[in-house]
ModelCIF file with pLDDT and N, C-alpha, C, O atoms, coordinates in Angstrom:
data_MODEL
#
_entry.id   MODEL 
#
_entity.id                         1 
_entity.type                       polymer 
_entity.pdbx_number_of_molecules   1 
#
_entity_poly.entity_id                      1 
_entity_poly.type                           'polypeptide(L)' 
_entity_poly.nstd_linkage                   no 
_entity_poly.nstd_monomer                   no 
_entity_poly.pdbx_seq_one_letter_code       VSLWVGAAVAGCASVRILVRRRGRFRFKRDEDPFPLVM 
_entity_poly.pdbx_seq_one_letter_code_can   VSLWVGAAVAGCASVRILVRRRGRFRFKRDEDPFPLVM 
_entity_poly.pdbx_strand_id                 A 
#
loop_
_entity_poly_seq.entity_id 
_entity_poly_seq.num 
_entity_poly_seq.mon_id 
_entity_poly_seq.hetero 
1 1  VAL n 
1 2  SER n 
1 3  LEU n 
1 4  TRP n 
1 5  VAL n 
1 6  GLY n 
1 7  ALA n 
1 8  ALA n 
1 9  VAL n 
1 10 ALA n 
1 11 GLY n 
1 12 CYS n 
1 13 ALA n 
1 14 SER n 
1 15 VAL n 
1 16 ARG n 
1 17 ILE n 
1 18 LEU n 
1 19 VAL n 
1 20 ARG n 
1 21 ARG n 
1 22 ARG n 
1 23 GLY n 
1 24 ARG n 
1 25 PHE n 
1 26 ARG n 
1 27 PHE n 
1 28 LYS n 
1 29 ARG n 
1 30 ASP n 
1 31 GLU n 
1 32 ASP n 
1 33 PRO n 
1 34 PHE n 
1 35 PRO n 
1 36 LEU n 
1 37 VAL n 
1 38 MET n 
#
_struct_asym.id          A 
_struct_asym.entity_id   1 
#
loop_
_ma_qa_metric.id 
_ma_qa_metric.mode 
_ma_qa_metric.name 
_ma_qa_metric.software_group_id 
_ma_qa_metric.type 
1 global pLDDT . pLDDT 
2 local  pLDDT . pLDDT 
#
_ma_qa_metric_global.metric_id      1 
_ma_qa_metric_global.metric_value   77.84 
_ma_qa_metric_global.model_id       1 
_ma_qa_metric_global.ordinal_id     1 
#
loop_
_ma_qa_metric_local.label_asym_id 
_ma_qa_metric_local.label_comp_id 
_ma_qa_metric_local.label_seq_id 
_ma_qa_metric_local.metric_id 
_ma_qa_metric_local.metric_value 
_ma_qa_metric_local.model_id 
_ma_qa_metric_local.ordinal_id 
A VAL 1  2 96.00 1 1  
A SER 2  2 96.00 1 2  
A LEU 3  2 95.00 1 3  
A TRP 4  2 96.00 1 4  
A VAL 5  2 96.00 1 5  
A GLY 6  2 95.00 1 6  
A ALA 7  2 94.00 1 7  
A ALA 8  2 95.00 1 8  
A VAL 9  2 94.00 1 9  
A ALA 10 2 91.00 1 10 
A GLY 11 2 91.00 1 11 
A CYS 12 2 89.00 1 12 
A ALA 13 2 86.00 1 13 
A SER 14 2 83.00 1 14 
A VAL 15 2 83.00 1 15 
A ARG 16 2 77.00 1 16 
A ILE 17 2 76.00 1 17 
A LEU 18 2 76.00 1 18 
A VAL 19 2 75.00 1 19 
A ARG 20 2 68.00 1 20 
A ARG 21 2 59.00 1 21 
A ARG 22 2 55.00 1 22 
A GLY 23 2 47.00 1 23 
A ARG 24 2 50.00 1 24 
A PHE 25 2 46.00 1 25 
A ARG 26 2 51.00 1 26 
A PHE 27 2 48.00 1 27 
A LYS 28 2 56.00 1 28 
A ARG 29 2 57.00 1 29 
A ASP 30 2 59.00 1 30 
A GLU 31 2 69.00 1 31 
A ASP 32 2 77.00 1 32 
A PRO 33 2 83.00 1 33 
A PHE 34 2 87.00 1 34 
A PRO 35 2 89.00 1 35 
A LEU 36 2 89.00 1 36 
A VAL 37 2 91.00 1 37 
A MET 38 2 93.00 1 38 
#
loop_
_atom_site.group_PDB 
_atom_site.id 
_atom_site.type_symbol 
_atom_site.label_atom_id 
_atom_site.label_alt_id 
_atom_site.label_comp_id 
_atom_site.label_asym_id 
_atom_site.label_entity_id 
_atom_site.label_seq_id 
_atom_site.pdbx_PDB_ins_code 
_atom_site.Cartn_x 
_atom_site.Cartn_y 
_atom_site.Cartn_z 
_atom_site.occupancy 
_atom_site.B_iso_or_equiv 
_atom_site.pdbx_formal_charge 
_atom_site.auth_seq_id 
_atom_site.auth_comp_id 
_atom_site.auth_asym_id 
_atom_site.auth_atom_id 
_atom_site.pdbx_PDB_model_num 
ATOM 1   N N  . VAL A 1 1  ? -27.484 -235.803 57.324 1.00 96.00 ? 1  VAL A N  1 
ATOM 2   C CA . VAL A 1 1  ? -26.620 -234.739 57.264 1.00 96.00 ? 1  VAL A CA 1 
ATOM 3   C C  . VAL A 1 1  ? -26.571 -232.964 58.535 1.00 96.00 ? 1  VAL A C  1 
ATOM 4   O O  . VAL A 1 1  ? -25.715 -232.428 59.239 1.00 96.00 ? 1  VAL A O  1 
ATOM 5   N N  . SER A 1 2  ? -28.117 -232.673 58.150 1.00 96.00 ? 2  SER A N  1 
ATOM 6   C CA . SER A 1 2  ? -28.603 -231.236 58.930 1.00 96.00 ? 2  SER A CA 1 
ATOM 7   C C  . SER A 1 2  ? -28.438 -231.813 60.563 1.00 96.00 ? 2  SER A C  1 
ATOM 8   O O  . SER A 1 2  ? -28.067 -231.002 61.411 1.00 96.00 ? 2  SER A O  1 
ATOM 9   N N  . LEU A 1 3  ? -28.643 -232.825 60.847 1.00 95.00 ? 3  LEU A N  1 
ATOM 10  C CA . LEU A 1 3  ? -28.801 -233.295 62.075 1.00 95.00 ? 3  LEU A CA 1 
ATOM 11  C C  . LEU A 1 3  ? -27.223 -233.157 62.844 1.00 95.00 ? 3  LEU A C  1 
ATOM 12  O O  . LEU A 1 3  ? -27.142 -232.564 63.920 1.00 95.00 ? 3  LEU A O  1 
ATOM 13  N N  . TRP A 1 4  ? -26.117 -233.699 62.250 1.00 96.00 ? 4  TRP A N  1 
ATOM 14  C CA . TRP A 1 4  ? -24.953 -233.745 62.215 1.00 96.00 ? 4  TRP A CA 1 
ATOM 15  C C  . TRP A 1 4  ? -24.065 -232.397 62.486 1.00 96.00 ? 4  TRP A C  1 
ATOM 16  O O  . TRP A 1 4  ? -23.105 -232.213 63.235 1.00 96.00 ? 4  TRP A O  1 
ATOM 17  N N  . VAL A 1 5  ? -24.795 -231.477 61.535 1.00 96.00 ? 5  VAL A N  1 
ATOM 18  C CA . VAL A 1 5  ? -24.188 -230.169 61.451 1.00 96.00 ? 5  VAL A CA 1 
ATOM 19  C C  . VAL A 1 5  ? -24.902 -228.817 62.478 1.00 96.00 ? 5  VAL A C  1 
ATOM 20  O O  . VAL A 1 5  ? -24.360 -227.722 62.628 1.00 96.00 ? 5  VAL A O  1 
ATOM 21  N N  . GLY A 1 6  ? -26.199 -229.232 63.086 1.00 95.00 ? 6  GLY A N  1 
ATOM 22  C CA . GLY A 1 6  ? -27.127 -228.763 63.786 1.00 95.00 ? 6  GLY A CA 1 
ATOM 23  C C  . GLY A 1 6  ? -26.333 -228.486 64.969 1.00 95.00 ? 6  GLY A C  1 
ATOM 24  O O  . GLY A 1 6  ? -26.223 -227.383 65.505 1.00 95.00 ? 6  GLY A O  1 
ATOM 25  N N  . ALA A 1 7  ? -25.347 -230.452 65.631 1.00 94.00 ? 7  ALA A N  1 
ATOM 26  C CA . ALA A 1 7  ? -24.812 -230.815 66.507 1.00 94.00 ? 7  ALA A CA 1 
ATOM 27  C C  . ALA A 1 7  ? -23.970 -230.702 66.723 1.00 94.00 ? 7  ALA A C  1 
ATOM 28  O O  . ALA A 1 7  ? -23.632 -230.917 67.887 1.00 94.00 ? 7  ALA A O  1 
ATOM 29  N N  . ALA A 1 8  ? -22.913 -230.233 65.642 1.00 95.00 ? 8  ALA A N  1 
ATOM 30  C CA . ALA A 1 8  ? -21.570 -229.468 65.962 1.00 95.00 ? 8  ALA A CA 1 
ATOM 31  C C  . ALA A 1 8  ? -21.694 -228.245 66.185 1.00 95.00 ? 8  ALA A C  1 
ATOM 32  O O  . ALA A 1 8  ? -20.742 -227.741 66.779 1.00 95.00 ? 8  ALA A O  1 
ATOM 33  N N  . VAL A 1 9  ? -22.941 -227.258 65.792 1.00 94.00 ? 9  VAL A N  1 
ATOM 34  C CA . VAL A 1 9  ? -22.754 -225.493 65.990 1.00 94.00 ? 9  VAL A CA 1 
ATOM 35  C C  . VAL A 1 9  ? -23.239 -225.752 67.663 1.00 94.00 ? 9  VAL A C  1 
ATOM 36  O O  . VAL A 1 9  ? -22.390 -225.485 68.513 1.00 94.00 ? 9  VAL A O  1 
ATOM 37  N N  . ALA A 1 10 ? -24.582 -226.264 68.121 1.00 91.00 ? 10 ALA A N  1 
ATOM 38  C CA . ALA A 1 10 ? -24.876 -226.599 69.532 1.00 91.00 ? 10 ALA A CA 1 
ATOM 39  C C  . ALA A 1 10 ? -23.581 -227.200 70.188 1.00 91.00 ? 10 ALA A C  1 
ATOM 40  O O  . ALA A 1 10 ? -23.546 -226.782 71.345 1.00 91.00 ? 10 ALA A O  1 
ATOM 41  N N  . GLY A 1 11 ? -22.553 -227.970 69.939 1.00 91.00 ? 11 GLY A N  1 
ATOM 42  C CA . GLY A 1 11 ? -21.511 -228.282 70.703 1.00 91.00 ? 11 GLY A CA 1 
ATOM 43  C C  . GLY A 1 11 ? -20.975 -226.987 71.164 1.00 91.00 ? 11 GLY A C  1 
ATOM 44  O O  . GLY A 1 11 ? -20.950 -226.493 72.292 1.00 91.00 ? 11 GLY A O  1 
ATOM 45  N N  . CYS A 1 12 ? -20.451 -226.447 69.746 1.00 89.00 ? 12 CYS A N  1 
ATOM 46  C CA . CYS A 1 12 ? -19.511 -225.160 70.201 1.00 89.00 ? 12 CYS A CA 1 
ATOM 47  C C  . CYS A 1 12 ? -20.352 -224.323 70.286 1.00 89.00 ? 12 CYS A C  1 
ATOM 48  O O  . CYS A 1 12 ? -19.834 -223.344 69.748 1.00 89.00 ? 12 CYS A O  1 
ATOM 49  N N  . ALA A 1 13 ? -21.577 -223.980 70.694 1.00 86.00 ? 13 ALA A N  1 
ATOM 50  C CA . ALA A 1 13 ? -22.309 -223.462 71.498 1.00 86.00 ? 13 ALA A CA 1 
ATOM 51  C C  . ALA A 1 13 ? -21.801 -223.585 72.971 1.00 86.00 ? 13 ALA A C  1 
ATOM 52  O O  . ALA A 1 13 ? -21.276 -222.890 73.841 1.00 86.00 ? 13 ALA A O  1 
ATOM 53  N N  . SER A 1 14 ? -22.160 -224.603 72.805 1.00 83.00 ? 14 SER A N  1 
ATOM 54  C CA . SER A 1 14 ? -22.147 -225.453 74.620 1.00 83.00 ? 14 SER A CA 1 
ATOM 55  C C  . SER A 1 14 ? -20.773 -224.914 74.921 1.00 83.00 ? 14 SER A C  1 
ATOM 56  O O  . SER A 1 14 ? -20.766 -224.130 75.870 1.00 83.00 ? 14 SER A O  1 
ATOM 57  N N  . VAL A 1 15 ? -19.426 -225.173 74.260 1.00 83.00 ? 15 VAL A N  1 
ATOM 58  C CA . VAL A 1 15 ? -18.184 -224.701 74.869 1.00 83.00 ? 15 VAL A CA 1 
ATOM 59  C C  . VAL A 1 15 ? -17.910 -223.549 75.163 1.00 83.00 ? 15 VAL A C  1 
ATOM 60  O O  . VAL A 1 15 ? -16.981 -223.185 75.885 1.00 83.00 ? 15 VAL A O  1 
ATOM 61  N N  . ARG A 1 16 ? -18.984 -222.649 74.431 1.00 77.00 ? 16 ARG A N  1 
ATOM 62  C CA . ARG A 1 16 ? -18.640 -221.502 74.327 1.00 77.00 ? 16 ARG A CA 1 
ATOM 63  C C  . ARG A 1 16 ? -19.405 -220.584 75.963 1.00 77.00 ? 16 ARG A C  1 
ATOM 64  O O  . ARG A 1 16 ? -18.871 -219.631 76.532 1.00 77.00 ? 16 ARG A O  1 
ATOM 65  N N  . ILE A 1 17 ? -20.513 -221.145 76.300 1.00 76.00 ? 17 ILE A N  1 
ATOM 66  C CA . ILE A 1 17 ? -21.328 -220.979 77.235 1.00 76.00 ? 17 ILE A CA 1 
ATOM 67  C C  . ILE A 1 17 ? -20.202 -221.642 78.481 1.00 76.00 ? 17 ILE A C  1 
ATOM 68  O O  . ILE A 1 17 ? -19.829 -220.975 79.447 1.00 76.00 ? 17 ILE A O  1 
ATOM 69  N N  . LEU A 1 18 ? -19.905 -222.638 78.297 1.00 76.00 ? 18 LEU A N  1 
ATOM 70  C CA . LEU A 1 18 ? -18.783 -223.180 79.475 1.00 76.00 ? 18 LEU A CA 1 
ATOM 71  C C  . LEU A 1 18 ? -17.495 -222.620 79.406 1.00 76.00 ? 18 LEU A C  1 
ATOM 72  O O  . LEU A 1 18 ? -16.704 -223.007 80.266 1.00 76.00 ? 18 LEU A O  1 
ATOM 73  N N  . VAL A 1 19 ? -17.096 -221.784 78.568 1.00 75.00 ? 19 VAL A N  1 
ATOM 74  C CA . VAL A 1 19 ? -15.630 -220.907 78.941 1.00 75.00 ? 19 VAL A CA 1 
ATOM 75  C C  . VAL A 1 19 ? -16.807 -219.814 79.168 1.00 75.00 ? 19 VAL A C  1 
ATOM 76  O O  . VAL A 1 19 ? -17.579 -220.760 79.326 1.00 75.00 ? 19 VAL A O  1 
ATOM 77  N N  . ARG A 1 20 ? -17.647 -218.683 79.328 1.00 68.00 ? 20 ARG A N  1 
ATOM 78  C CA . ARG A 1 20 ? -17.812 -217.903 79.054 1.00 68.00 ? 20 ARG A CA 1 
ATOM 79  C C  . ARG A 1 20 ? -19.319 -218.218 80.417 1.00 68.00 ? 20 ARG A C  1 
ATOM 80  O O  . ARG A 1 20 ? -20.457 -217.926 80.049 1.00 68.00 ? 20 ARG A O  1 
ATOM 81  N N  . ARG A 1 21 ? -19.170 -218.631 81.452 1.00 59.00 ? 21 ARG A N  1 
ATOM 82  C CA . ARG A 1 21 ? -19.970 -218.968 82.315 1.00 59.00 ? 21 ARG A CA 1 
ATOM 83  C C  . ARG A 1 21 ? -20.664 -218.088 83.178 1.00 59.00 ? 21 ARG A C  1 
ATOM 84  O O  . ARG A 1 21 ? -21.764 -218.360 83.659 1.00 59.00 ? 21 ARG A O  1 
ATOM 85  N N  . ARG A 1 22 ? -19.976 -216.925 83.405 1.00 55.00 ? 22 ARG A N  1 
ATOM 86  C CA . ARG A 1 22 ? -20.481 -215.646 83.630 1.00 55.00 ? 22 ARG A CA 1 
ATOM 87  C C  . ARG A 1 22 ? -20.427 -214.501 82.664 1.00 55.00 ? 22 ARG A C  1 
ATOM 88  O O  . ARG A 1 22 ? -19.887 -213.435 82.960 1.00 55.00 ? 22 ARG A O  1 
ATOM 89  N N  . GLY A 1 23 ? -21.161 -214.802 81.160 1.00 47.00 ? 23 GLY A N  1 
ATOM 90  C CA . GLY A 1 23 ? -21.770 -214.171 80.110 1.00 47.00 ? 23 GLY A CA 1 
ATOM 91  C C  . GLY A 1 23 ? -22.692 -213.558 80.691 1.00 47.00 ? 23 GLY A C  1 
ATOM 92  O O  . GLY A 1 23 ? -23.047 -213.570 81.869 1.00 47.00 ? 23 GLY A O  1 
ATOM 93  N N  . ARG A 1 24 ? -23.313 -212.664 79.225 1.00 50.00 ? 24 ARG A N  1 
ATOM 94  C CA . ARG A 1 24 ? -24.114 -212.264 79.112 1.00 50.00 ? 24 ARG A CA 1 
ATOM 95  C C  . ARG A 1 24 ? -25.151 -212.731 79.694 1.00 50.00 ? 24 ARG A C  1 
ATOM 96  O O  . ARG A 1 24 ? -25.678 -211.995 80.528 1.00 50.00 ? 24 ARG A O  1 
ATOM 97  N N  . PHE A 1 25 ? -25.942 -214.494 79.360 1.00 46.00 ? 25 PHE A N  1 
ATOM 98  C CA . PHE A 1 25 ? -26.704 -215.042 79.505 1.00 46.00 ? 25 PHE A CA 1 
ATOM 99  C C  . PHE A 1 25 ? -27.030 -215.723 81.232 1.00 46.00 ? 25 PHE A C  1 
ATOM 100 O O  . PHE A 1 25 ? -27.837 -216.643 81.367 1.00 46.00 ? 25 PHE A O  1 
ATOM 101 N N  . ARG A 1 26 ? -26.335 -215.159 82.363 1.00 51.00 ? 26 ARG A N  1 
ATOM 102 C CA . ARG A 1 26 ? -26.265 -215.701 83.241 1.00 51.00 ? 26 ARG A CA 1 
ATOM 103 C C  . ARG A 1 26 ? -27.911 -215.150 84.147 1.00 51.00 ? 26 ARG A C  1 
ATOM 104 O O  . ARG A 1 26 ? -28.764 -214.361 83.739 1.00 51.00 ? 26 ARG A O  1 
ATOM 105 N N  . PHE A 1 27 ? -27.868 -215.873 85.356 1.00 48.00 ? 27 PHE A N  1 
ATOM 106 C CA . PHE A 1 27 ? -29.031 -215.748 85.880 1.00 48.00 ? 27 PHE A CA 1 
ATOM 107 C C  . PHE A 1 27 ? -29.223 -214.997 86.787 1.00 48.00 ? 27 PHE A C  1 
ATOM 108 O O  . PHE A 1 27 ? -28.585 -215.107 87.834 1.00 48.00 ? 27 PHE A O  1 
ATOM 109 N N  . LYS A 1 28 ? -30.021 -214.185 86.626 1.00 56.00 ? 28 LYS A N  1 
ATOM 110 C CA . LYS A 1 28 ? -29.896 -212.879 87.934 1.00 56.00 ? 28 LYS A CA 1 
ATOM 111 C C  . LYS A 1 28 ? -30.951 -213.352 89.325 1.00 56.00 ? 28 LYS A C  1 
ATOM 112 O O  . LYS A 1 28 ? -32.116 -213.748 89.372 1.00 56.00 ? 28 LYS A O  1 
ATOM 113 N N  . ARG A 1 29 ? -29.957 -213.100 90.325 1.00 57.00 ? 29 ARG A N  1 
ATOM 114 C CA . ARG A 1 29 ? -30.410 -213.449 91.788 1.00 57.00 ? 29 ARG A CA 1 
ATOM 115 C C  . ARG A 1 29 ? -31.972 -212.748 92.196 1.00 57.00 ? 29 ARG A C  1 
ATOM 116 O O  . ARG A 1 29 ? -32.875 -213.159 92.925 1.00 57.00 ? 29 ARG A O  1 
ATOM 117 N N  . ASP A 1 30 ? -31.823 -211.492 91.358 1.00 59.00 ? 30 ASP A N  1 
ATOM 118 C CA . ASP A 1 30 ? -32.853 -210.944 92.442 1.00 59.00 ? 30 ASP A CA 1 
ATOM 119 C C  . ASP A 1 30 ? -34.329 -210.869 91.331 1.00 59.00 ? 30 ASP A C  1 
ATOM 120 O O  . ASP A 1 30 ? -35.281 -210.151 91.639 1.00 59.00 ? 30 ASP A O  1 
ATOM 121 N N  . GLU A 1 31 ? -34.331 -211.793 89.914 1.00 69.00 ? 31 GLU A N  1 
ATOM 122 C CA . GLU A 1 31 ? -35.349 -211.429 89.222 1.00 69.00 ? 31 GLU A CA 1 
ATOM 123 C C  . GLU A 1 31 ? -36.380 -212.824 89.661 1.00 69.00 ? 31 GLU A C  1 
ATOM 124 O O  . GLU A 1 31 ? -36.059 -213.870 90.225 1.00 69.00 ? 31 GLU A O  1 
ATOM 125 N N  . ASP A 1 32 ? -37.780 -212.340 89.133 1.00 77.00 ? 32 ASP A N  1 
ATOM 126 C CA . ASP A 1 32 ? -38.886 -213.101 90.250 1.00 77.00 ? 32 ASP A CA 1 
ATOM 127 C C  . ASP A 1 32 ? -38.915 -214.313 89.260 1.00 77.00 ? 32 ASP A C  1 
ATOM 128 O O  . ASP A 1 32 ? -39.064 -214.038 88.070 1.00 77.00 ? 32 ASP A O  1 
ATOM 129 N N  . PRO A 1 33 ? -38.814 -215.360 89.551 1.00 83.00 ? 33 PRO A N  1 
ATOM 130 C CA . PRO A 1 33 ? -38.934 -216.716 88.743 1.00 83.00 ? 33 PRO A CA 1 
ATOM 131 C C  . PRO A 1 33 ? -40.541 -217.305 88.543 1.00 83.00 ? 33 PRO A C  1 
ATOM 132 O O  . PRO A 1 33 ? -40.872 -218.144 87.706 1.00 83.00 ? 33 PRO A O  1 
ATOM 133 N N  . PHE A 1 34 ? -41.463 -216.627 89.557 1.00 87.00 ? 34 PHE A N  1 
ATOM 134 C CA . PHE A 1 34 ? -42.404 -217.371 88.591 1.00 87.00 ? 34 PHE A CA 1 
ATOM 135 C C  . PHE A 1 34 ? -43.297 -216.942 87.302 1.00 87.00 ? 34 PHE A C  1 
ATOM 136 O O  . PHE A 1 34 ? -44.448 -217.331 87.107 1.00 87.00 ? 34 PHE A O  1 
ATOM 137 N N  . PRO A 1 35 ? -42.703 -216.239 86.623 1.00 89.00 ? 35 PRO A N  1 
ATOM 138 C CA . PRO A 1 35 ? -43.033 -215.919 85.471 1.00 89.00 ? 35 PRO A CA 1 
ATOM 139 C C  . PRO A 1 35 ? -42.679 -217.619 84.301 1.00 89.00 ? 35 PRO A C  1 
ATOM 140 O O  . PRO A 1 35 ? -43.396 -218.415 83.694 1.00 89.00 ? 35 PRO A O  1 
ATOM 141 N N  . LEU A 1 36 ? -40.901 -217.412 84.565 1.00 89.00 ? 36 LEU A N  1 
ATOM 142 C CA . LEU A 1 36 ? -40.652 -219.011 83.765 1.00 89.00 ? 36 LEU A CA 1 
ATOM 143 C C  . LEU A 1 36 ? -41.070 -220.171 84.849 1.00 89.00 ? 36 LEU A C  1 
ATOM 144 O O  . LEU A 1 36 ? -40.915 -221.304 84.392 1.00 89.00 ? 36 LEU A O  1 
ATOM 145 N N  . VAL A 1 37 ? -41.516 -220.124 86.050 1.00 91.00 ? 37 VAL A N  1 
ATOM 146 C CA . VAL A 1 37 ? -42.421 -221.471 86.381 1.00 91.00 ? 37 VAL A CA 1 
ATOM 147 C C  . VAL A 1 37 ? -43.594 -221.726 85.651 1.00 91.00 ? 37 VAL A C  1 
ATOM 148 O O  . VAL A 1 37 ? -43.918 -222.760 85.067 1.00 91.00 ? 37 VAL A O  1 
ATOM 149 N N  . MET A 1 38 ? -44.459 -220.176 85.802 1.00 93.00 ? 38 MET A N  1 
ATOM 150 C CA . MET A 1 38 ? -45.178 -220.625 85.105 1.00 93.00 ? 38 MET A CA 1 
ATOM 151 C C  . MET A 1 38 ? -45.663 -220.786 83.233 1.00 93.00 ? 38 MET A C  1 
ATOM 152 O O  . MET A 1 38 ? -46.640 -221.458 82.903 1.00 93.00 ? 38 MET A O  1 
#
């Protein structure tokens, strides 16, 4: 049940991300990628 509930919550979050593609979690072009890669 916990996995199904979590999957439903994650699915709703994914829909929100797709709807708000230009939201606050968008990537920044001028950001240094080195820390993320490391």
